[in-house]
All heavy atoms as atom14 arrays in JSON, in Angstrom:
{
  "sequence": "AHPVFLVDVVDGQILVTDCDMQQAAWDQFIEEDD",
  "atom14_mask": [
    [1, 1, 1, 1, 1, 0, 0, 0, 0, 0, 0, 0, 0, 0],
    [1, 1, 1, 1, 1, 1, 1, 1, 1, 1, 0, 0, 0, 0],
    [1, 1, 1, 1, 1, 1, 1, 0, 0, 0, 0, 0, 0, 0],
    [1, 1, 1, 1, 1, 1, 1, 0, 0, 0, 0, 0, 0, 0],
    [1, 1, 1, 1, 1, 1, 1, 1, 1, 1, 1, 0, 0, 0],
    [1, 1, 1, 1, 1, 1, 1, 1, 0, 0, 0, 0, 0, 0],
    [1, 1, 1, 1, 1, 1, 1, 0, 0, 0, 0, 0, 0, 0],
    [1, 1, 1, 1, 1, 1, 1, 1, 0, 0, 0, 0, 0, 0],
    [1, 1, 1, 1, 1, 1, 1, 0, 0, 0, 0, 0, 0, 0],
    [1, 1, 1, 1, 1, 1, 1, 0, 0, 0, 0, 0, 0, 0],
    [1, 1, 1, 1, 1, 1, 1, 1, 0, 0, 0, 0, 0, 0],
    [1, 1, 1, 1, 0, 0, 0, 0, 0, 0, 0, 0, 0, 0],
    [1, 1, 1, 1, 1, 1, 1, 1, 1, 0, 0, 0, 0, 0],
    [1, 1, 1, 1, 1, 1, 1, 1, 0, 0, 0, 0, 0, 0],
    [1, 1, 1, 1, 1, 1, 1, 1, 0, 0, 0, 0, 0, 0],
    [1, 1, 1, 1, 1, 1, 1, 0, 0, 0, 0, 0, 0, 0],
    [1, 1, 1, 1, 1, 1, 1, 0, 0, 0, 0, 0, 0, 0],
    [1, 1, 1, 1, 1, 1, 1, 1, 0, 0, 0, 0, 0, 0],
    [1, 1, 1, 1, 1, 1, 0, 0, 0, 0, 0, 0, 0, 0],
    [1, 1, 1, 1, 1, 1, 1, 1, 0, 0, 0, 0, 0, 0],
    [1, 1, 1, 1, 1, 1, 1, 1, 0, 0, 0, 0, 0, 0],
    [1, 1, 1, 1, 1, 1, 1, 1, 1, 0, 0, 0, 0, 0],
    [1, 1, 1, 1, 1, 1, 1, 1, 1, 0, 0, 0, 0, 0],
    [1, 1, 1, 1, 1, 0, 0, 0, 0, 0, 0, 0, 0, 0],
    [1, 1, 1, 1, 1, 0, 0, 0, 0, 0, 0, 0, 0, 0],
    [1, 1, 1, 1, 1, 1, 1, 1, 1, 1, 1, 1, 1, 1],
    [1, 1, 1, 1, 1, 1, 1, 1, 0, 0, 0, 0, 0, 0],
    [1, 1, 1, 1, 1, 1, 1, 1, 1, 0, 0, 0, 0, 0],
    [1, 1, 1, 1, 1, 1, 1, 1, 1, 1, 1, 0, 0, 0],
    [1, 1, 1, 1, 1, 1, 1, 1, 0, 0, 0, 0, 0, 0],
    [1, 1, 1, 1, 1, 1, 1, 1, 1, 0, 0, 0, 0, 0],
    [1, 1, 1, 1, 1, 1, 1, 1, 1, 0, 0, 0, 0, 0],
    [1, 1, 1, 1, 1, 1, 1, 1, 0, 0, 0, 0, 0, 0],
    [1, 1, 1, 1, 1, 1, 1, 1, 0, 0, 0, 0, 0, 0]
  ],
  "atom14_positions": [
    [[9.1, -250.54, -126.5], [7.68, -250.25, -126.86], [6.86, -249.73, -125.69], [5.64, -249.72, -125.78], [7.06, -251.43, -127.53], [0.0, 0.0, 0.0], [0.0, 0.0, 0.0], [0.0, 0.0, 0.0], [0.0, 0.0, 0.0], [0.0, 0.0, 0.0], [0.0, 0.0, 0.0], [0.0, 0.0, 0.0], [0.0, 0.0, 0.0], [0.0, 0.0, 0.0]],
    [[7.47, -249.24, -124.62], [6.73, -248.63, -123.5], [6.4, -247.16, -123.9], [7.28, -246.39, -124.16], [7.58, -248.65, -122.25], [6.94, -247.9, -121.1], [5.93, -248.39, -120.37], [7.26, -246.65, -120.62], [5.58, -247.49, -119.45], [6.41, -246.45, -119.56], [0.0, 0.0, 0.0], [0.0, 0.0, 0.0], [0.0, 0.0, 0.0], [0.0, 0.0, 0.0]],
    [[5.1, -246.82, -123.95], [4.73, -245.43, -124.32], [5.18, -244.46, -123.25], [5.03, -244.73, -122.07], [3.23, -245.48, -124.45], [2.78, -246.67, -123.66], [3.93, -247.64, -123.68], [0.0, 0.0, 0.0], [0.0, 0.0, 0.0], [0.0, 0.0, 0.0], [0.0, 0.0, 0.0], [0.0, 0.0, 0.0], [0.0, 0.0, 0.0], [0.0, 0.0, 0.0]],
    [[5.76, -243.33, -123.69], [6.29, -242.33, -122.78], [5.48, -241.06, -122.92], [5.13, -240.42, -121.92], [7.78, -242.07, -123.08], [8.32, -240.95, -122.25], [8.58, -243.33, -122.9], [0.0, 0.0, 0.0], [0.0, 0.0, 0.0], [0.0, 0.0, 0.0], [0.0, 0.0, 0.0], [0.0, 0.0, 0.0], [0.0, 0.0, 0.0], [0.0, 0.0, 0.0]],
    [[5.2, -240.66, -124.14], [4.65, -239.28, -124.39], [3.88, -239.37, -125.7], [4.33, -239.94, -126.65], [5.82, -238.3, -124.51], [5.47, -236.9, -124.3], [5.31, -236.35, -123.04], [5.36, -236.04, -125.36], [5.02, -235.01, -122.86], [5.08, -234.68, -125.2], [4.88, -234.18, -123.93], [0.0, 0.0, 0.0], [0.0, 0.0, 0.0], [0.0, 0.0, 0.0]],
    [[2.7, -238.7, -125.72], [1.91, -238.64, -126.94], [1.64, -237.16, -127.28], [1.4, -236.36, -126.38], [0.54, -239.32, -126.74], [0.57, -240.75, -126.26], [-0.84, -241.24, -125.95], [1.22, -241.65, -127.28], [0.0, 0.0, 0.0], [0.0, 0.0, 0.0], [0.0, 0.0, 0.0], [0.0, 0.0, 0.0], [0.0, 0.0, 0.0], [0.0, 0.0, 0.0]],
    [[1.73, -236.86, -128.57], [1.38, -235.52, -129.01], [0.3, -235.71, -130.08], [0.54, -236.29, -131.15], [2.61, -234.79, -129.68], [2.2, -233.39, -130.1], [3.78, -234.77, -128.73], [0.0, 0.0, 0.0], [0.0, 0.0, 0.0], [0.0, 0.0, 0.0], [0.0, 0.0, 0.0], [0.0, 0.0, 0.0], [0.0, 0.0, 0.0], [0.0, 0.0, 0.0]],
    [[-0.94, -235.24, -129.77], [-2.06, -235.4, -130.67], [-2.49, -234.06, -131.22], [-2.44, -233.03, -130.52], [-3.25, -236.02, -129.93], [-2.95, -237.44, -129.46], [-2.48, -238.23, -130.27], [-3.26, -237.76, -128.28], [0.0, 0.0, 0.0], [0.0, 0.0, 0.0], [0.0, 0.0, 0.0], [0.0, 0.0, 0.0], [0.0, 0.0, 0.0], [0.0, 0.0, 0.0]],
    [[-2.88, -234.08, -132.48], [-3.4, -232.87, -133.13], [-4.9, -233.07, -133.24], [-5.39, -233.96, -133.86], [-2.78, -232.67, -134.54], [-3.37, -231.43, -135.19], [-1.25, -232.6, -134.44], [0.0, 0.0, 0.0], [0.0, 0.0, 0.0], [0.0, 0.0, 0.0], [0.0, 0.0, 0.0], [0.0, 0.0, 0.0], [0.0, 0.0, 0.0], [0.0, 0.0, 0.0]],
    [[-5.65, -232.17, -132.53], [-7.12, -232.24, -132.53], [-7.65, -230.84, -132.9], [-7.4, -229.88, -132.22], [-7.64, -232.67, -131.14], [-9.15, -232.69, -131.16], [-7.07, -234.01, -130.74], [0.0, 0.0, 0.0], [0.0, 0.0, 0.0], [0.0, 0.0, 0.0], [0.0, 0.0, 0.0], [0.0, 0.0, 0.0], [0.0, 0.0, 0.0], [0.0, 0.0, 0.0]],
    [[-8.34, -230.79, -134.02], [-8.91, -229.52, -134.5], [-7.87, -228.42, -134.56], [-8.1, -227.27, -134.13], [-10.1, -229.06, -133.63], [-11.27, -230.0, -133.74], [-11.43, -230.65, -134.78], [-12.02, -230.08, -132.74], [0.0, 0.0, 0.0], [0.0, 0.0, 0.0], [0.0, 0.0, 0.0], [0.0, 0.0, 0.0], [0.0, 0.0, 0.0], [0.0, 0.0, 0.0]],
    [[-6.67, -228.74, -135.01], [-5.6, -227.78, -135.17], [-4.9, -227.42, -133.85], [-3.93, -226.62, -133.83], [0.0, 0.0, 0.0], [0.0, 0.0, 0.0], [0.0, 0.0, 0.0], [0.0, 0.0, 0.0], [0.0, 0.0, 0.0], [0.0, 0.0, 0.0], [0.0, 0.0, 0.0], [0.0, 0.0, 0.0], [0.0, 0.0, 0.0], [0.0, 0.0, 0.0]],
    [[-5.27, -228.02, -132.73], [-4.62, -227.78, -131.44], [-3.73, -228.96, -131.09], [-4.01, -230.11, -131.4], [-5.7, -227.64, -130.33], [-6.66, -226.52, -130.54], [-5.99, -225.16, -130.42], [-5.14, -224.96, -129.54], [-6.35, -224.24, -131.24], [0.0, 0.0, 0.0], [0.0, 0.0, 0.0], [0.0, 0.0, 0.0], [0.0, 0.0, 0.0], [0.0, 0.0, 0.0]],
    [[-2.58, -228.64, -130.43], [-1.64, -229.66, -130.01], [-1.97, -230.08, -128.58], [-2.02, -229.2, -127.69], [-0.2, -229.13, -130.08], [0.16, -228.67, -131.5], [0.78, -230.14, -129.55], [0.24, -229.75, -132.51], [0.0, 0.0, 0.0], [0.0, 0.0, 0.0], [0.0, 0.0, 0.0], [0.0, 0.0, 0.0], [0.0, 0.0, 0.0], [0.0, 0.0, 0.0]],
    [[-2.23, -231.34, -128.35], [-2.53, -231.86, -127.02], [-1.44, -232.87, -126.66], [-1.14, -233.77, -127.44], [-3.86, -232.57, -127.01], [-5.07, -231.75, -127.43], [-6.33, -232.59, -127.51], [-5.28, -230.57, -126.49], [0.0, 0.0, 0.0], [0.0, 0.0, 0.0], [0.0, 0.0, 0.0], [0.0, 0.0, 0.0], [0.0, 0.0, 0.0], [0.0, 0.0, 0.0]],
    [[-0.82, -232.67, -125.5], [0.25, -233.58, -125.09], [-0.16, -234.42, -123.89], [-0.91, -233.96, -123.02], [1.56, -232.8, -124.76], [2.06, -232.08, -125.99], [1.32, -231.78, -123.66], [0.0, 0.0, 0.0], [0.0, 0.0, 0.0], [0.0, 0.0, 0.0], [0.0, 0.0, 0.0], [0.0, 0.0, 0.0], [0.0, 0.0, 0.0], [0.0, 0.0, 0.0]],
    [[0.31, -235.63, -123.85], [0.02, -236.56, -122.75], [1.31, -237.19, -122.29], [2.01, -237.81, -123.05], [-0.96, -237.66, -123.22], [-2.13, -237.06, -123.73], [-1.31, -238.6, -122.06], [0.0, 0.0, 0.0], [0.0, 0.0, 0.0], [0.0, 0.0, 0.0], [0.0, 0.0, 0.0], [0.0, 0.0, 0.0], [0.0, 0.0, 0.0], [0.0, 0.0, 0.0]],
    [[1.57, -237.04, -121.0], [2.7, -237.76, -120.37], [2.12, -239.08, -119.89], [1.33, -239.14, -118.95], [3.23, -236.91, -119.2], [4.42, -237.58, -118.53], [4.43, -238.81, -118.4], [5.31, -236.83, -118.1], [0.0, 0.0, 0.0], [0.0, 0.0, 0.0], [0.0, 0.0, 0.0], [0.0, 0.0, 0.0], [0.0, 0.0, 0.0], [0.0, 0.0, 0.0]],
    [[2.47, -240.15, -120.54], [1.85, -241.45, -120.27], [2.11, -241.95, -118.85], [1.22, -242.53, -118.22], [2.34, -242.49, -121.26], [1.9, -242.09, -122.97], [0.0, 0.0, 0.0], [0.0, 0.0, 0.0], [0.0, 0.0, 0.0], [0.0, 0.0, 0.0], [0.0, 0.0, 0.0], [0.0, 0.0, 0.0], [0.0, 0.0, 0.0], [0.0, 0.0, 0.0]],
    [[3.27, -241.71, -118.3], [3.58, -242.16, -116.92], [2.73, -241.39, -115.91], [2.18, -241.99, -114.99], [5.09, -241.99, -116.6], [5.94, -242.97, -117.39], [5.44, -244.03, -117.77], [7.12, -242.63, -117.6], [0.0, 0.0, 0.0], [0.0, 0.0, 0.0], [0.0, 0.0, 0.0], [0.0, 0.0, 0.0], [0.0, 0.0, 0.0], [0.0, 0.0, 0.0]],
    [[2.57, -240.09, -116.12], [1.73, -239.3, -115.19], [0.28, -239.71, -115.33], [-0.43, -239.79, -114.33], [1.91, -237.8, -115.48], [3.23, -237.27, -115.0], [3.43, -235.53, -115.27], [2.28, -234.86, -114.05], [0.0, 0.0, 0.0], [0.0, 0.0, 0.0], [0.0, 0.0, 0.0], [0.0, 0.0, 0.0], [0.0, 0.0, 0.0], [0.0, 0.0, 0.0]],
    [[-0.19, -239.98, -116.55], [-1.55, -240.39, -116.78], [-1.81, -241.72, -116.07], [-2.84, -241.93, -115.45], [-1.83, -240.52, -118.26], [-3.3, -240.85, -118.56], [-3.52, -240.9, -120.08], [-2.71, -241.52, -120.8], [-4.6, -240.36, -120.52], [0.0, 0.0, 0.0], [0.0, 0.0, 0.0], [0.0, 0.0, 0.0], [0.0, 0.0, 0.0], [0.0, 0.0, 0.0]],
    [[-0.86, -242.67, -116.2], [-1.01, -243.98, -115.53], [-1.04, -243.82, -114.02], [-1.82, -244.47, -113.32], [0.12, -244.92, -115.97], [-0.05, -246.34, -115.44], [-1.31, -247.02, -115.93], [-1.58, -246.98, -117.1], [-2.07, -247.63, -115.03], [0.0, 0.0, 0.0], [0.0, 0.0, 0.0], [0.0, 0.0, 0.0], [0.0, 0.0, 0.0], [0.0, 0.0, 0.0]],
    [[-0.17, -242.97, -113.5], [-0.14, -242.77, -112.04], [-1.48, -242.17, -111.54], [-2.0, -242.6, -110.51], [1.01, -241.84, -111.65], [0.0, 0.0, 0.0], [0.0, 0.0, 0.0], [0.0, 0.0, 0.0], [0.0, 0.0, 0.0], [0.0, 0.0, 0.0], [0.0, 0.0, 0.0], [0.0, 0.0, 0.0], [0.0, 0.0, 0.0], [0.0, 0.0, 0.0]],
    [[-2.03, -241.25, -112.27], [-3.33, -240.65, -111.9], [-4.44, -241.7, -111.96], [-5.3, -241.74, -111.07], [-3.65, -239.46, -112.83], [0.0, 0.0, 0.0], [0.0, 0.0, 0.0], [0.0, 0.0, 0.0], [0.0, 0.0, 0.0], [0.0, 0.0, 0.0], [0.0, 0.0, 0.0], [0.0, 0.0, 0.0], [0.0, 0.0, 0.0], [0.0, 0.0, 0.0]],
    [[-4.39, -242.55, -112.98], [-5.4, -243.6, -113.11], [-5.28, -244.62, -111.94], [-6.26, -245.0, -111.33], [-5.24, -244.33, -114.44], [-6.18, -245.48, -114.58], [-5.89, -246.81, -114.53], [-7.62, -245.43, -114.77], [-7.02, -247.57, -114.68], [-8.1, -246.74, -114.83], [-8.52, -244.38, -114.88], [-9.42, -247.04, -115.0], [-9.86, -244.69, -115.08], [-10.31, -246.01, -115.14]],
    [[-4.05, -244.99, -111.62], [-3.83, -245.92, -110.48], [-4.35, -245.35, -109.19], [-4.98, -246.04, -108.38], [-2.36, -246.29, -110.36], [-1.86, -247.14, -111.55], [-2.68, -247.69, -112.27], [-0.59, -247.2, -111.71], [0.0, 0.0, 0.0], [0.0, 0.0, 0.0], [0.0, 0.0, 0.0], [0.0, 0.0, 0.0], [0.0, 0.0, 0.0], [0.0, 0.0, 0.0]],
    [[-4.09, -244.08, -108.97], [-4.59, -243.39, -107.74], [-6.1, -243.37, -107.71], [-6.72, -243.62, -106.69], [-4.04, -241.98, -107.64], [-4.45, -241.28, -106.38], [-3.85, -239.88, -106.27], [-3.16, -239.42, -107.18], [-4.14, -239.21, -105.18], [0.0, 0.0, 0.0], [0.0, 0.0, 0.0], [0.0, 0.0, 0.0], [0.0, 0.0, 0.0], [0.0, 0.0, 0.0]],
    [[-6.74, -243.09, -108.87], [-8.19, -243.06, -108.97], [-8.76, -244.43, -108.58], [-9.69, -244.54, -107.81], [-8.62, -242.66, -110.35], [-10.12, -242.81, -110.58], [-11.01, -241.86, -110.13], [-10.58, -243.9, -111.31], [-12.37, -242.02, -110.31], [-11.96, -244.06, -111.52], [-12.82, -243.08, -111.04], [0.0, 0.0, 0.0], [0.0, 0.0, 0.0], [0.0, 0.0, 0.0]],
    [[-8.2, -245.47, -109.14], [-8.68, -246.85, -108.88], [-8.49, -247.18, -107.42], [-9.36, -247.77, -106.79], [-7.95, -247.88, -109.8], [-8.3, -247.63, -111.24], [-8.23, -249.32, -109.36], [-9.76, -247.8, -111.55], [0.0, 0.0, 0.0], [0.0, 0.0, 0.0], [0.0, 0.0, 0.0], [0.0, 0.0, 0.0], [0.0, 0.0, 0.0], [0.0, 0.0, 0.0]],
    [[-7.35, -246.82, -106.85], [-7.08, -247.09, -105.46], [-8.05, -246.39, -104.52], [-8.59, -247.0, -103.57], [-5.61, -246.61, -105.14], [-5.1, -247.07, -103.8], [-3.66, -246.65, -103.63], [-2.83, -247.21, -104.35], [-3.41, -245.77, -102.77], [0.0, 0.0, 0.0], [0.0, 0.0, 0.0], [0.0, 0.0, 0.0], [0.0, 0.0, 0.0], [0.0, 0.0, 0.0]],
    [[-8.37, -245.15, -104.81], [-9.36, -244.36, -104.04], [-10.77, -244.96, -104.2], [-11.53, -245.03, -103.26], [-9.32, -242.9, -104.4], [-8.06, -242.21, -103.9], [-7.94, -240.79, -104.41], [-8.9, -240.28, -105.05], [-6.91, -240.14, -104.15], [0.0, 0.0, 0.0], [0.0, 0.0, 0.0], [0.0, 0.0, 0.0], [0.0, 0.0, 0.0], [0.0, 0.0, 0.0]],
    [[-11.07, -245.37, -105.43], [-12.37, -245.97, -105.69], [-12.57, -247.27, -104.95], [-13.65, -247.59, -104.5], [-12.56, -246.18, -107.21], [-13.97, -246.53, -107.57], [-14.89, -245.8, -107.13], [-14.17, -247.49, -108.31], [0.0, 0.0, 0.0], [0.0, 0.0, 0.0], [0.0, 0.0, 0.0], [0.0, 0.0, 0.0], [0.0, 0.0, 0.0], [0.0, 0.0, 0.0]],
    [[-11.48, -248.05, -104.82], [-11.57, -249.33, -104.08], [-11.81, -249.13, -102.61], [-12.38, -250.01, -101.92], [-10.28, -250.12, -104.27], [-10.15, -250.7, -105.67], [-11.18, -250.77, -106.39], [-9.06, -251.15, -106.03], [0.0, 0.0, 0.0], [0.0, 0.0, 0.0], [0.0, 0.0, 0.0], [0.0, 0.0, 0.0], [0.0, 0.0, 0.0], [0.0, 0.0, 0.0]]
  ]
}
C-alpha cells in the first residue's frame, strides 16, 4: 500500500505525480525551512 505514482484527470488533462519524487522535494523544502 505504498503509493508510487498517481495519474489524475483534471479538466480533461492528464496530470502525473511521482510520489517518491514529490516526497523527496517536500523533505528538502522542510529541511531548508528548518
